[in-house]
Protein backbone atom coordinates (compact mmCIF):
# COMPACT_ATOMS: atom_id res chain seq x y z
CA MET A 1 30.73 -2.75 10.12
CA LYS A 2 31.33 -5.16 7.33
CA GLY A 3 28.26 -6.90 5.97
CA LYS A 4 25.79 -4.50 7.60
CA VAL A 5 22.84 -3.84 5.32
CA GLN A 6 20.63 -0.80 5.84
CA ILE A 7 17.37 -0.14 4.07
CA SER A 8 15.56 3.13 4.50
CA THR A 9 11.80 3.44 4.61
CA GLU A 10 11.89 5.44 1.37
CA ASP A 11 13.58 2.48 -0.35
CA VAL A 12 10.54 0.25 0.13
CA LEU A 13 7.56 2.51 0.90
CA ASP A 14 6.70 2.93 -2.79
CA LYS A 15 6.09 -0.84 -2.97
CA THR A 16 3.07 -0.64 -0.64
CA ASN A 17 2.07 3.06 -0.55
CA SER A 18 1.43 2.74 3.19
CA ILE A 19 3.81 2.37 6.12
CA TYR A 20 1.22 0.18 7.85
CA LYS A 21 0.94 -2.20 4.89
CA LEU A 22 4.74 -2.27 4.67
CA VAL A 23 5.07 -3.30 8.31
CA ILE A 24 2.45 -6.04 7.92
CA LEU A 25 4.02 -7.36 4.72
CA ALA A 26 7.54 -7.35 6.17
CA SER A 27 6.48 -9.02 9.40
CA LYS A 28 4.56 -11.76 7.62
CA ARG A 29 7.52 -12.46 5.34
CA ALA A 30 9.94 -12.43 8.29
CA LEU A 31 7.79 -15.06 9.99
CA GLU A 32 7.92 -17.20 6.84
CA LEU A 33 11.69 -16.86 6.68
CA ASN A 34 11.96 -17.73 10.39
CA GLU A 35 9.93 -20.90 9.69
CA GLY A 36 12.40 -21.99 7.01
CA SER A 37 11.21 -20.45 3.75
CA PRO A 38 14.11 -19.91 1.34
CA LYS A 39 15.47 -16.40 0.75
CA LEU A 40 14.43 -14.86 -2.56
CA VAL A 41 17.40 -12.48 -2.78
CA GLU A 42 21.17 -12.80 -2.41
CA THR A 43 22.22 -10.95 0.72
CA ASP A 44 24.94 -10.76 3.32
CA SER A 45 22.42 -9.87 6.01
CA LYS A 46 21.74 -12.32 8.81
CA ARG A 47 18.75 -10.40 10.18
CA ILE A 48 15.45 -11.89 9.03
CA SER A 49 13.67 -8.52 9.11
CA THR A 50 16.31 -6.99 6.83
CA ILE A 51 16.09 -9.90 4.41
CA ALA A 52 12.30 -9.46 4.26
CA LEU A 53 12.73 -5.75 3.48
CA GLU A 54 15.35 -6.52 0.81
CA GLU A 55 12.92 -8.94 -0.83
CA ILE A 56 10.19 -6.30 -0.81
CA LYS A 57 12.60 -3.73 -2.25
CA ALA A 58 13.54 -6.15 -5.04
CA GLY A 59 9.88 -6.72 -5.88
CA LYS A 60 10.03 -10.40 -4.93
CA ILE A 61 7.32 -9.98 -2.27
CA VAL A 62 4.18 -7.98 -2.98
CA MET A 63 0.94 -7.41 -1.09
CA LYS A 64 -2.19 -8.82 -2.68
CA GLU A 65 -5.13 -6.46 -2.71
CA LYS A 66 -8.38 -7.94 -1.47
CA LYS A 67 -11.31 -7.83 -3.83
CA LYS A 68 -14.22 -5.75 -2.58
């Protein structure tokens, strides 16, 4: 399929060090994109979840660590 973008877990897991944190980060960003936030990466993908993962992979979206 032309324009289909695939991102593997390994491509983005090193950005959060936890699959659970990755899922939370990607879902929060996907919600922001769905509400109209501009994309931070150039992509052919139309799927909001894929765009969120591409942004994480590119280092445009990072998870803030809470202070203890």
